[in-house]
């Protein structure tokens, strides 16, 4: 979308009295947390100063008129490492810099002269024209890179600033955008990847997702949030709704019928918290207004003084859900919300991999790349395959998978074989099915270890050594503590770090291990961060053997039907090491 130049900063609401919970500062006065609604505008951390100096949406004009013509070296550092993110652009990590230097080098020493580019696909929905456009941009401008992320979008690499205006032009010609794919903004909206086609779906919330993106993405009034804001809107509990700032999950009210249950305050990273139910029922036609109320609370009351506390989860934790609901109703919606029941969860987590029937009699086929790694060439072949079998749309999942919709029953096996021929498995091993990985040190400036290649090596080892796995075990690899791959809610979560190799004494790539985490995606599942044993780490080289060993302990010691997460909670510590 085209964004007009906007003034610096945002209009702030009139100051309100300081809350009783504010900490005392000098002279006994409450110390501000940077909450606009309470009049706390100073002091500002560097990120807040940058946004105050110039609304980041203005950077697009400079990219198009200056930087694309003069090249990388002409880019103002405040734009390069800050405002560029508002249009999905991050500088890549310079090749050859090991993980031990990640936190030591200055930003300009880590920066390569190429960019990672995130493309919004809200709800994971892509037409074939859109998929082909992304594929073409990947092969012409991104060295054939295209990773499917766990935010249901596609991420390209090796992008030059000189090519960005043309890339935007091509994306926007097919209805795509990179606007606010990153930055302190409303990021891509998660949705069920089978919204509108699922047999068990009662309400399709796609219209709400579409209205949010059309009305509010690129809106200057929401372009300066304390930090990122993540959303999930889905009838089915098939997105990681408990890990988002705001989520709407389908529920049937005994008196009012189908609507959505509202959750707020989820987020992982270095201080993980799960979202909490507000206890309200929201009809479909009110979802957008309620979402807008929640994000405005974050904008106005969110903590801006310390960057480490600038997520909605900290405000929800401090206020509690009762106060959050009160503020939402009285100050933003100006009306009371209806009390509502909690959602009913399915017997098993909803998995989109394989061949599944749609409500209209057609079928969708879900397939797994390896830890989200794809390419423009592969995506173009998927588009050709889908078109040959009468489909005009694909979906991306929040688990780094891809789905082809609208396939005739007679064509499903041909599509399965066609996907396999291009490297996508519709009948993958449980290891491939359950493994995710973040970008890692290959491209990310925050990473400490390699992830994508490690994930591939791990899956290959486990497929050979524990080939007959008959249980679902999720493995999430992250290159740093920021949990982009949701490490804390995996059966086996792996947080990248440097560890000492006992054989050589050298510091090498490795992982801290979290065991038995998970989200409440099915009846009987308890959401939580699992078990973290003191000193439980492994080198990257020893990781395959470790996962093989702990899996075999689980298979030998589990009770009938017992999940890996439940077994971990009761297993002897020596069987987890």
Protein backbone atom coordinates (compact mmCIF):
# COMPACT_ATOMS: atom_id res chain seq x y z
CA UNK A 1 0.00 0.00 0.00
CA UNK A 2 1.12 3.57 -0.54
CA UNK A 3 1.73 5.51 2.65
CA UNK A 4 1.60 9.29 2.66
CA UNK A 5 4.07 11.38 4.62
CA UNK A 6 2.85 11.85 8.18
CA UNK A 7 3.94 14.12 11.02
CA UNK A 8 6.49 13.05 13.59
CA UNK A 9 5.18 11.34 16.71
CA UNK A 10 1.54 10.62 17.51
CA UNK A 11 -1.13 12.61 19.23
CA UNK A 12 -1.26 11.56 22.86
CA UNK A 13 -4.37 11.51 25.02
CA UNK A 14 -4.80 13.96 27.88
CA UNK A 15 -2.81 12.90 30.97
CA UNK A 16 -4.67 10.89 33.59
CA UNK A 17 -3.83 10.65 37.28
CA UNK A 18 -0.93 8.34 38.07
CA UNK A 19 -1.99 4.86 39.13
CA UNK A 20 -1.54 3.77 42.71
CA UNK A 21 0.84 1.04 41.53
CA UNK A 22 3.44 3.45 40.13
CA UNK A 23 6.82 3.19 41.82
CA UNK A 24 8.04 6.15 43.83
CA UNK A 25 10.83 8.24 42.37
CA UNK A 26 12.83 11.20 43.63
CA UNK A 27 11.02 13.31 46.20
CA UNK A 28 8.31 10.68 46.64
CA UNK A 29 6.74 11.39 43.25
CA UNK A 30 5.56 8.35 41.27
CA UNK A 31 8.16 7.26 38.74
CA UNK A 32 6.72 7.11 35.27
CA UNK A 33 6.89 3.99 33.11
CA UNK A 34 6.55 6.01 29.93
CA UNK A 35 2.77 5.62 29.79
CA UNK A 36 1.29 8.30 27.58
CA UNK A 37 -2.13 8.09 29.21
CA UNK A 38 -0.60 9.06 32.55
CA UNK A 39 1.38 11.94 31.08
CA UNK A 40 4.75 10.19 31.28
CA UNK A 41 6.49 11.38 28.11
CA UNK A 42 10.07 11.67 29.44
CA UNK A 43 12.72 10.39 29.69
CA UNK A 44 12.74 8.47 26.44
CA UNK A 45 14.85 5.46 25.57
CA UNK A 46 16.67 5.62 22.21
CA UNK A 47 13.87 3.80 20.37
CA UNK A 48 11.25 6.19 21.69
CA UNK A 49 13.39 9.22 20.80
CA UNK A 50 13.78 7.93 17.24
CA UNK A 51 10.03 7.54 16.81
CA UNK A 52 9.41 10.97 18.32
CA UNK A 53 11.94 12.56 15.97
CA UNK A 54 10.15 11.24 12.89
CA UNK A 55 7.21 8.90 12.40
CA UNK A 56 8.81 5.79 10.90
CA UNK A 57 6.18 5.60 8.17
CA UNK A 58 7.92 8.60 6.60
CA UNK A 59 10.96 6.46 5.78
CA UNK A 60 9.32 5.03 2.70
CA UNK A 61 9.60 8.35 0.90
CA UNK A 62 13.32 8.51 1.67
CA UNK A 63 13.87 4.95 0.46
CA UNK A 64 12.14 5.69 -2.82
CA UNK A 65 13.61 9.16 -3.46
CA UNK A 66 17.08 8.96 -1.90
CA UNK A 67 18.41 5.62 -0.69
CA UNK A 68 17.36 3.52 -3.69
CA UNK A 69 19.29 5.93 -5.92
CA UNK A 70 22.35 6.57 -3.77
CA UNK A 71 22.77 3.08 -2.33
CA UNK A 72 23.37 1.49 1.07
CA UNK A 73 26.09 3.88 2.23
CA UNK A 74 23.72 6.83 1.94
CA UNK A 75 21.24 5.48 4.51
CA UNK A 76 20.90 7.43 7.76
CA UNK A 77 21.74 5.04 10.66
CA UNK A 78 18.51 5.96 12.48
CA UNK A 79 16.56 4.85 9.43
CA UNK A 80 18.74 1.81 8.74
CA UNK A 81 18.51 0.19 12.17
CA UNK A 82 15.15 1.58 13.19
CA UNK A 83 12.59 3.01 10.82
CA UNK A 84 13.30 0.58 7.95
CA UNK A 85 11.57 -2.07 10.05
CA UNK A 86 8.23 -0.33 9.58
CA UNK A 87 8.42 -1.57 5.98
CA UNK A 88 9.63 -5.08 6.74
CA UNK A 89 13.34 -4.41 6.24
CA UNK A 90 16.13 -5.60 8.56
CA UNK A 91 19.81 -5.51 7.74
CA UNK A 92 21.28 -9.00 7.45
CA UNK A 93 24.18 -10.31 9.45
CA UNK A 94 27.51 -9.94 7.71
CA UNK A 95 28.81 -13.42 6.74
CA UNK A 96 31.64 -14.92 8.77
CA UNK A 97 30.89 -13.33 12.14
CA UNK A 98 30.68 -16.08 14.76
CA UNK A 99 28.10 -16.17 17.54
CA UNK A 100 30.58 -15.23 20.23
CA UNK A 101 30.81 -11.75 18.74
CA UNK A 102 27.07 -11.12 18.46
CA UNK A 103 26.81 -9.06 21.65
CA UNK A 104 30.28 -7.53 21.37
CA UNK A 105 30.39 -5.83 17.97
CA UNK A 106 28.79 -2.50 17.17
CA UNK A 107 25.70 -2.56 14.91
CA UNK A 108 27.63 -1.22 11.93
CA UNK A 109 30.12 -4.07 12.30
CA UNK A 110 27.34 -6.66 12.18
CA UNK A 111 25.43 -5.09 9.29
CA UNK A 112 25.75 -6.53 5.83
CA UNK A 113 24.75 -4.33 2.91
CA UNK A 114 21.74 -6.54 2.20
CA UNK A 115 18.33 -6.82 3.78
CA UNK A 116 15.93 -9.40 5.04
CA UNK A 117 12.44 -8.51 3.78
CA UNK A 118 9.19 -9.73 5.35
CA UNK A 119 6.07 -9.79 3.22
CA UNK A 120 2.69 -9.59 4.95
CA UNK A 121 0.21 -12.39 4.28
CA UNK A 122 -2.39 -11.83 6.98
CA UNK A 123 -4.18 -15.05 7.87
CA UNK A 124 -1.58 -16.85 5.75
CA UNK A 125 -3.72 -16.33 2.66
CA UNK A 126 -2.10 -16.12 -0.79
CA UNK A 127 -3.54 -16.31 -4.28
CA UNK A 128 -1.45 -18.00 -6.97
CA UNK A 129 -0.77 -14.59 -8.52
CA UNK A 130 0.63 -13.44 -5.19
CA UNK A 131 2.65 -16.62 -4.70
CA UNK A 132 4.14 -16.30 -8.19
CA UNK A 133 5.03 -12.67 -7.56
CA UNK A 134 6.88 -13.58 -4.37
CA UNK A 135 8.63 -16.42 -6.18
CA UNK A 136 9.70 -14.12 -8.99
CA UNK A 137 11.02 -11.48 -6.60
CA UNK A 138 12.90 -14.19 -4.71
CA UNK A 139 14.66 -15.53 -7.80
CA UNK A 140 15.45 -12.11 -9.30
CA UNK A 141 16.28 -10.07 -6.23
CA UNK A 142 16.77 -12.47 -3.30
CA UNK A 143 19.16 -15.17 -4.55
CA UNK A 144 16.23 -17.64 -4.55
CA UNK A 145 15.66 -17.41 -0.78
CA UNK A 146 12.16 -17.66 0.66
CA UNK A 147 11.55 -18.88 4.21
CA UNK A 148 8.06 -19.63 5.53
CA UNK A 149 7.93 -18.17 9.03
CA UNK A 150 5.87 -19.11 12.07
CA UNK A 151 4.01 -15.82 11.62
CA UNK A 152 2.38 -17.10 8.40
CA UNK A 153 4.42 -14.94 6.08
CA UNK A 154 7.38 -15.27 3.74
CA UNK A 155 10.79 -13.80 4.41
CA UNK A 156 13.32 -13.04 1.68
CA UNK A 157 17.05 -12.38 1.99
CA UNK A 158 19.84 -10.68 0.03
CA UNK A 159 17.62 -7.72 -0.87
CA UNK A 160 19.39 -4.54 -2.04
CA UNK A 161 17.95 -1.14 -1.15
CA UNK A 162 18.26 -0.19 -4.82
CA UNK A 163 15.65 -2.84 -5.68
CA UNK A 164 13.15 -2.12 -2.91
CA UNK A 165 10.92 0.37 -4.81
CA UNK A 166 10.47 -2.07 -7.69
CA UNK A 167 9.77 -4.90 -5.25
CA UNK A 168 7.09 -2.79 -3.55
CA UNK A 169 5.57 -1.94 -6.90
CA UNK A 170 5.33 -5.60 -7.90
CA UNK A 171 3.96 -6.72 -4.53
CA UNK A 172 1.36 -3.98 -4.36
CA UNK A 173 0.19 -4.74 -7.92
CA UNK A 174 -1.11 -8.08 -6.58
CA UNK A 175 -2.41 -6.77 -3.26
CA UNK A 176 0.59 -7.55 -1.05
CA UNK A 177 2.55 -5.23 1.22
CA UNK A 178 5.53 -5.07 3.55
CA UNK A 179 4.06 -2.17 5.55
CA UNK A 180 4.45 -2.74 9.28
CA UNK A 181 5.67 -6.30 8.81
CA UNK A 182 8.18 -5.33 11.53
CA UNK A 183 8.64 -2.43 13.93
CA UNK A 184 6.62 -1.19 16.90
CA UNK A 185 3.41 -1.79 15.01
CA UNK A 186 0.48 -4.17 14.55
CA UNK A 187 2.35 -7.06 12.91
CA UNK A 188 0.85 -9.65 10.57
CA UNK A 189 -2.47 -11.02 11.85
CA UNK A 190 -2.50 -14.77 12.40
CA UNK A 191 -5.56 -16.72 11.32
CA UNK A 192 -6.55 -20.30 10.76
CA UNK A 193 -4.87 -21.45 7.55
CA UNK A 194 -8.09 -23.31 6.72
CA UNK A 195 -10.46 -20.42 7.47
CA UNK A 196 -13.40 -20.53 5.12
CA UNK A 197 -12.92 -24.16 4.13
CA UNK A 198 -12.74 -26.12 7.41
CA UNK A 199 -15.58 -28.56 7.99
CA UNK A 200 -15.71 -27.77 11.71
CA UNK A 201 -15.59 -23.98 11.39
CA UNK A 202 -18.77 -22.17 12.44
CA UNK A 203 -17.70 -18.57 11.75
CA UNK A 204 -15.08 -17.51 9.22
CA UNK A 205 -13.33 -14.44 10.71
CA UNK A 206 -11.51 -13.51 7.49
CA UNK A 207 -13.66 -10.39 7.10
CA UNK A 208 -12.40 -9.11 10.46
CA UNK A 209 -8.77 -9.77 9.52
CA UNK A 210 -9.30 -7.99 6.21
CA UNK A 211 -10.94 -4.97 7.83
CA UNK A 212 -8.14 -4.63 10.39
CA UNK A 213 -5.46 -4.70 7.72
CA UNK A 214 -7.30 -2.31 5.41
CA UNK A 215 -8.18 0.22 8.12
CA UNK A 216 -5.24 0.15 10.48
CA UNK A 217 -2.06 -1.06 8.77
CA UNK A 218 -0.17 2.10 7.88
CA UNK A 219 -2.45 4.22 10.10
CA UNK A 220 -0.25 6.88 11.77
CA UNK A 221 -2.34 6.68 14.95
CA UNK A 222 -1.07 3.12 15.52
CA UNK A 223 2.41 3.36 14.02
CA UNK A 224 4.11 4.25 17.31
CA UNK A 225 3.36 1.49 19.79
CA UNK A 226 5.64 0.73 22.76
CA UNK A 227 6.81 -2.40 20.93
CA UNK A 228 5.41 -4.96 18.50
CA UNK A 229 1.79 -6.08 18.76
CA UNK A 230 0.83 -9.59 17.66
CA UNK A 231 -2.70 -10.71 16.84
CA UNK A 232 -4.48 -14.01 16.24
CA UNK A 233 -8.09 -14.27 15.02
CA UNK A 234 -9.38 -17.77 14.35
CA UNK A 235 -12.50 -19.82 14.95
CA UNK A 236 -10.40 -22.95 15.31
CA UNK A 237 -7.73 -23.26 18.03
CA UNK A 238 -5.10 -23.98 15.40
CA UNK A 239 -2.93 -20.92 15.94
CA UNK A 240 -0.67 -20.30 18.96
CA UNK A 241 -3.31 -17.97 20.42
CA UNK A 242 -1.87 -18.05 23.95
CA UNK A 243 1.41 -16.56 22.72
CA UNK A 244 -0.07 -13.40 21.20
CA UNK A 245 -0.78 -9.93 22.57
CA UNK A 246 -4.44 -10.30 21.61
CA UNK A 247 -6.30 -13.35 20.36
CA UNK A 248 -9.86 -14.17 19.41
CA UNK A 249 -10.83 -17.85 19.55
CA UNK A 250 -14.17 -19.27 18.39
CA UNK A 251 -16.76 -20.08 21.04
CA UNK A 252 -20.52 -20.67 21.20
CA UNK A 253 -22.39 -18.68 23.84
CA UNK A 254 -25.40 -20.56 25.28
CA UNK A 255 -27.65 -17.51 24.77
CA UNK A 256 -26.01 -15.46 22.02
CA UNK A 257 -24.63 -18.13 19.72
CA UNK A 258 -21.27 -18.22 17.91
CA UNK A 259 -18.70 -15.53 18.60
CA UNK A 260 -15.17 -15.21 19.93
CA UNK A 261 -13.42 -15.56 23.28
CA UNK A 262 -10.93 -12.75 23.96
CA UNK A 263 -7.39 -13.38 25.26
CA UNK A 264 -4.75 -10.73 26.05
CA UNK A 265 -1.17 -10.46 27.22
CA UNK A 266 0.68 -13.37 25.64
CA UNK A 267 4.29 -13.23 24.53
CA UNK A 268 7.44 -15.32 24.84
CA UNK A 269 11.02 -14.03 24.38
CA UNK A 270 13.20 -13.72 27.49
CA UNK A 271 10.30 -13.25 29.93
CA UNK A 272 7.57 -15.57 28.64
CA UNK A 273 3.93 -15.16 29.62
CA UNK A 274 0.79 -16.84 28.35
CA UNK A 275 -2.26 -14.84 27.32
CA UNK A 276 -5.15 -14.66 29.77
CA UNK A 277 -8.88 -14.89 29.10
CA UNK A 278 -10.80 -11.69 29.64
CA UNK A 279 -13.97 -13.75 30.09
CA UNK A 280 -15.99 -11.98 27.41
CA UNK A 281 -17.92 -13.05 24.34
CA UNK A 282 -17.38 -10.95 21.22
CA UNK A 283 -19.65 -11.28 18.16
CA UNK A 284 -17.93 -11.30 14.79
CA UNK A 285 -19.15 -7.81 13.84
CA UNK A 286 -17.53 -6.37 17.00
CA UNK A 287 -14.13 -8.07 16.69
CA UNK A 288 -12.52 -5.15 14.87
CA UNK A 289 -13.71 -2.55 17.39
CA UNK A 290 -12.59 -4.68 20.34
CA UNK A 291 -9.20 -5.29 18.68
CA UNK A 292 -8.88 -1.53 18.16
CA UNK A 293 -9.68 -0.91 21.81
CA UNK A 294 -7.03 -3.37 22.99
CA UNK A 295 -4.30 -1.97 20.77
CA UNK A 296 -5.12 1.57 21.88
CA UNK A 297 -4.74 0.50 25.51
CA UNK A 298 -1.30 -0.79 24.60
CA UNK A 299 -0.42 2.43 22.80
CA UNK A 300 -1.64 4.69 25.62
CA UNK A 301 -0.83 2.67 28.76
CA UNK A 302 2.02 0.47 27.57
CA UNK A 303 5.40 0.87 29.26
CA UNK A 304 7.84 2.89 27.18
CA UNK A 305 10.55 3.79 29.71
CA UNK A 306 12.33 0.42 29.55
CA UNK A 307 12.45 -1.43 26.26
CA UNK A 308 12.57 -4.75 28.13
CA UNK A 309 9.11 -4.09 29.64
CA UNK A 310 7.47 -2.56 26.59
CA UNK A 311 5.17 -5.46 25.70
CA UNK A 312 1.47 -5.71 26.53
CA UNK A 313 2.07 -8.81 28.65
CA UNK A 314 3.74 -6.74 31.38
CA UNK A 315 0.79 -4.35 31.59
CA UNK A 316 -1.69 -7.24 31.78
CA UNK A 317 0.41 -8.92 34.46
CA UNK A 318 0.49 -5.73 36.55
CA UNK A 319 -3.16 -4.75 36.06
CA UNK A 320 -4.82 -8.15 36.04
CA UNK A 321 -7.62 -9.06 33.66
CA UNK A 322 -10.37 -7.39 35.72
CA UNK A 323 -8.78 -3.95 35.47
CA UNK A 324 -7.85 -4.49 31.83
CA UNK A 325 -11.46 -5.31 31.01
CA UNK A 326 -12.69 -2.30 32.97
CA UNK A 327 -10.39 0.09 31.10
CA UNK A 328 -11.31 -1.47 27.76
CA UNK A 329 -15.04 -1.13 28.43
CA UNK A 330 -15.13 2.28 30.10
CA UNK A 331 -12.43 4.26 28.29
CA UNK A 332 -12.31 2.76 24.82
CA UNK A 333 -15.49 0.87 23.93
CA UNK A 334 -17.79 2.99 26.10
CA UNK A 335 -19.97 -0.04 26.77
CA UNK A 336 -19.95 -3.29 28.68
CA UNK A 337 -18.94 -6.56 27.06
CA UNK A 338 -20.95 -9.74 27.44
CA UNK A 339 -19.61 -12.40 29.78
CA UNK A 340 -18.72 -15.52 27.87
CA UNK A 341 -17.64 -19.16 28.21
CA UNK A 342 -14.22 -20.58 27.45
CA UNK A 343 -13.75 -22.31 24.10
CA UNK A 344 -14.18 -26.04 23.65
CA UNK A 345 -10.96 -27.63 22.49
CA UNK A 346 -10.74 -30.61 20.12
CA UNK A 347 -9.67 -34.06 21.30
CA UNK A 348 -6.38 -33.72 19.45
CA UNK A 349 -4.45 -30.70 18.20
CA UNK A 350 -5.53 -29.70 14.71
CA UNK A 351 -2.87 -30.64 12.19
CA UNK A 352 -3.07 -29.38 8.62
CA UNK A 353 -0.52 -31.80 7.19
CA UNK A 354 -1.82 -34.42 4.77
CA UNK A 355 -5.09 -34.66 2.85
CA UNK A 356 -8.22 -33.26 4.48
CA UNK A 357 -11.78 -32.69 3.33
CA UNK A 358 -13.22 -29.18 3.04
CA UNK A 359 -16.83 -28.31 3.85
CA UNK A 360 -17.58 -27.91 0.12
CA UNK A 361 -16.52 -31.47 -0.78
CA UNK A 362 -13.13 -30.50 -2.14
CA UNK A 363 -9.87 -31.21 -0.29
CA UNK A 364 -6.82 -29.37 0.95
CA UNK A 365 -3.32 -30.81 1.05
CA UNK A 366 -0.88 -29.63 3.71
CA UNK A 367 2.84 -30.20 3.27
CA UNK A 368 5.99 -29.61 5.29
CA UNK A 369 9.20 -28.00 4.11
CA UNK A 370 12.15 -28.62 6.39
CA UNK A 371 11.99 -26.07 9.23
CA UNK A 372 10.34 -23.54 6.95
CA UNK A 373 13.18 -23.38 4.43
CA UNK A 374 11.86 -22.83 0.93
CA UNK A 375 12.91 -20.97 -2.23
CA UNK A 376 11.41 -18.90 -4.99
CA UNK A 377 11.94 -21.80 -7.37
CA UNK A 378 10.02 -24.14 -5.10
CA UNK A 379 7.16 -21.70 -4.58
CA UNK A 380 6.81 -21.17 -8.33
CA UNK A 381 6.56 -24.94 -8.82
CA UNK A 382 3.89 -25.12 -6.12
CA UNK A 383 1.90 -22.45 -7.97
CA UNK A 384 2.18 -24.42 -11.22
CA UNK A 385 1.12 -27.63 -9.47
CA UNK A 386 -1.88 -25.99 -7.81
CA UNK A 387 -3.02 -24.43 -11.08
CA UNK A 388 -2.78 -27.74 -12.94
CA UNK A 389 -5.19 -29.23 -10.42
CA UNK A 390 -7.72 -26.42 -10.42
CA UNK A 391 -6.65 -24.47 -7.34
CA UNK A 392 -6.05 -20.74 -7.25
CA UNK A 393 -4.94 -20.30 -3.64
CA UNK A 394 -2.54 -21.54 -1.01
CA UNK A 395 -2.18 -20.89 2.71
CA UNK A 396 0.78 -20.63 5.06
CA UNK A 397 0.54 -21.95 8.62
CA UNK A 398 1.95 -20.62 11.91
CA UNK A 399 4.08 -23.77 12.02
CA UNK A 400 6.11 -23.06 8.88
CA UNK A 401 3.98 -25.29 6.63
CA UNK A 402 2.17 -24.75 3.31
CA UNK A 403 -1.34 -25.79 2.23
CA UNK A 404 -2.89 -26.08 -1.24
CA UNK A 405 -6.66 -25.58 -1.14
CA UNK A 406 -9.60 -26.61 -3.35
CA UNK A 407 -8.35 -29.90 -4.78
CA UNK A 408 -10.78 -32.43 -6.26
CA UNK A 409 -10.74 -35.76 -4.42
CA UNK A 410 -9.53 -37.56 -7.54
CA UNK A 411 -6.49 -35.26 -7.75
CA UNK A 412 -5.29 -35.42 -4.15
CA UNK A 413 -2.73 -38.20 -4.64
CA UNK A 414 -1.31 -36.44 -7.69
CA UNK A 415 -0.90 -33.29 -5.62
CA UNK A 416 0.79 -35.25 -2.81
CA UNK A 417 3.25 -36.71 -5.31
CA UNK A 418 3.77 -33.36 -7.00
CA UNK A 419 4.56 -31.64 -3.72
CA UNK A 420 6.99 -34.40 -2.81
CA UNK A 421 8.72 -33.96 -6.17
CA UNK A 422 9.50 -30.32 -5.31
CA UNK A 423 10.67 -31.10 -1.76
CA UNK A 424 7.46 -30.68 0.24
CA UNK A 425 6.20 -33.70 2.18
CA UNK A 426 2.47 -34.15 2.64
CA UNK A 427 3.16 -37.38 4.53
CA UNK A 428 6.31 -36.43 6.44
CA UNK A 429 7.89 -38.24 9.32
CA UNK A 430 6.74 -37.02 12.72
CA UNK A 431 10.20 -35.52 13.12
CA UNK A 432 9.94 -33.35 10.04
CA UNK A 433 6.33 -32.53 10.86
CA UNK A 434 7.15 -31.26 14.34
CA UNK A 435 10.39 -29.33 13.78
CA UNK A 436 10.61 -25.56 13.44
CA UNK A 437 13.60 -23.23 13.38
CA UNK A 438 14.14 -19.48 13.37
CA UNK A 439 16.40 -17.68 10.88
CA UNK A 440 19.55 -18.26 12.91
CA UNK A 441 23.07 -16.99 12.50
CA UNK A 442 23.03 -17.37 8.73
CA UNK A 443 21.17 -14.06 8.39
CA UNK A 444 20.11 -12.74 11.82
CA UNK A 445 22.26 -10.21 13.69
CA UNK A 446 20.90 -11.32 17.07
CA UNK A 447 21.64 -15.02 16.62
CA UNK A 448 24.39 -16.92 18.36
CA UNK A 449 24.09 -20.27 16.56
CA UNK A 450 23.03 -21.83 13.27
CA UNK A 451 19.46 -23.17 13.22
CA UNK A 452 18.14 -24.13 9.77
CA UNK A 453 21.05 -26.42 8.91
CA UNK A 454 21.05 -27.85 12.44
CA UNK A 455 17.36 -28.63 12.11
CA UNK A 456 17.95 -30.45 8.82
CA UNK A 457 20.79 -32.50 10.33
CA UNK A 458 18.70 -33.32 13.39
CA UNK A 459 15.68 -34.48 11.38
CA UNK A 460 17.85 -36.61 9.11
CA UNK A 461 19.50 -38.28 12.12
CA UNK A 462 16.21 -38.95 13.91
CA UNK A 463 14.50 -40.30 10.81
CA UNK A 464 17.29 -42.86 10.58
CA UNK A 465 17.67 -43.70 14.28
CA UNK A 466 14.09 -43.40 15.60
CA UNK A 467 12.23 -44.02 12.39
CA UNK A 468 9.10 -45.58 13.86
CA UNK A 469 8.14 -42.72 16.15
CA UNK A 470 4.42 -43.08 16.83
CA UNK A 471 4.00 -39.94 18.94
CA UNK A 472 3.98 -36.23 18.26
CA UNK A 473 7.12 -34.51 19.55
CA UNK A 474 7.68 -30.89 18.62
CA UNK A 475 11.23 -29.55 18.37
CA UNK A 476 11.80 -25.81 18.09
CA UNK A 477 15.30 -24.42 17.49
CA UNK A 478 16.09 -20.79 18.22
CA UNK A 479 19.36 -19.01 17.53
CA UNK A 480 19.16 -16.72 20.58
CA UNK A 481 16.99 -16.15 23.70
CA UNK A 482 14.31 -14.16 21.83
CA UNK A 483 12.15 -17.23 21.11
CA UNK A 484 11.05 -16.36 17.58
CA UNK A 485 10.57 -20.12 17.11
CA UNK A 486 8.51 -20.37 20.34
CA UNK A 487 11.05 -22.53 22.16
CA UNK A 488 9.34 -22.41 25.57
CA UNK A 489 6.14 -24.04 24.27
CA UNK A 490 7.73 -26.97 22.42
CA UNK A 491 8.17 -30.52 23.66
CA UNK A 492 11.89 -29.99 23.10
CA UNK A 493 12.81 -26.31 23.00
CA UNK A 494 16.36 -25.43 22.06
CA UNK A 495 17.74 -21.97 22.88
CA UNK A 496 20.96 -21.18 21.09
CA UNK A 497 24.01 -20.31 23.15
CA UNK A 498 27.73 -20.96 23.38
CA UNK A 499 28.66 -23.95 25.55
CA UNK A 500 31.94 -25.53 26.53
CA UNK A 501 33.00 -28.65 24.66
CA UNK A 502 34.16 -31.08 27.34
CA UNK A 503 36.54 -32.80 24.94
CA UNK A 504 38.44 -29.71 23.81
CA UNK A 505 37.58 -27.06 26.39
CA UNK A 506 36.58 -24.69 23.58
CA UNK A 507 33.39 -22.63 23.53
CA UNK A 508 31.24 -23.94 20.67
CA UNK A 509 27.71 -23.61 19.34
CA UNK A 510 25.15 -25.31 21.51
CA UNK A 511 21.70 -25.13 23.06
CA UNK A 512 20.04 -24.78 26.42
CA UNK A 513 17.26 -27.38 26.58
CA UNK A 514 13.65 -26.83 27.67
CA UNK A 515 11.47 -29.93 27.92
CA UNK A 516 7.73 -30.49 27.96
CA UNK A 517 6.39 -27.06 27.09
CA UNK A 518 3.20 -26.58 25.14
CA UNK A 519 0.04 -24.60 24.48
CA UNK A 520 -3.57 -25.50 25.20
CA UNK A 521 -4.45 -26.71 21.71
CA UNK A 522 -6.55 -29.75 22.70
CA UNK A 523 -8.67 -31.05 25.55
CA UNK A 524 -6.50 -32.21 28.43
CA UNK A 525 -3.48 -30.16 27.39
CA UNK A 526 -2.19 -27.75 30.00
CA UNK A 527 -0.39 -24.75 28.58
CA UNK A 528 2.96 -24.10 30.21
CA UNK A 529 6.68 -23.73 29.79
CA UNK A 530 7.61 -27.24 30.80
CA UNK A 531 10.66 -28.29 32.75
CA UNK A 532 14.06 -26.63 32.61
CA UNK A 533 16.71 -28.63 34.42
CA UNK A 534 19.67 -26.82 35.87
CA UNK A 535 22.64 -26.99 33.54
CA UNK A 536 20.83 -29.01 30.85
CA UNK A 537 22.74 -28.03 27.72
CA UNK A 538 24.24 -29.72 24.70
CA UNK A 539 26.71 -28.82 22.01
CA UNK A 540 25.24 -28.55 18.55
CA UNK A 541 27.33 -31.54 17.48
CA UNK A 542 25.88 -33.69 20.27
CA UNK A 543 22.29 -32.51 19.79
CA UNK A 544 21.11 -35.38 17.53
CA UNK A 545 22.40 -37.99 19.98
CA UNK A 546 20.77 -36.18 22.90
CA UNK A 547 17.32 -36.02 21.27
CA UNK A 548 17.63 -39.67 20.22
CA UNK A 549 18.51 -40.65 23.79
CA UNK A 550 15.72 -38.74 25.55
CA UNK A 551 13.18 -39.94 22.98
CA UNK A 552 14.12 -43.55 23.58
CA UNK A 553 13.74 -43.01 27.33
CA UNK A 554 10.25 -41.62 26.68
CA UNK A 555 9.24 -44.48 24.39
CA UNK A 556 10.43 -47.02 26.95
CA UNK A 557 8.93 -45.34 30.00
CA UNK A 558 5.63 -43.81 28.86
CA UNK A 559 2.28 -45.15 29.91
CA UNK A 560 -0.39 -45.96 27.32
CA UNK A 561 -1.28 -42.83 25.37
CA UNK A 562 0.95 -40.61 27.49
CA UNK A 563 2.30 -37.55 25.71
CA UNK A 564 5.94 -36.53 25.80
CA UNK A 565 5.08 -33.40 27.81
CA UNK A 566 3.25 -35.39 30.50
CA UNK A 567 6.06 -37.93 30.71
CA UNK A 568 8.67 -35.17 31.12
CA UNK A 569 6.91 -33.84 34.22
CA UNK A 570 7.27 -37.16 36.05
CA UNK A 571 10.41 -38.63 34.47
CA UNK A 572 13.53 -39.17 36.60
CA UNK A 573 16.03 -36.41 36.01
CA UNK A 574 18.71 -38.79 34.78
CA UNK A 575 16.43 -39.87 31.91
CA UNK A 576 16.17 -36.27 30.74
CA UNK A 577 19.90 -35.66 30.49
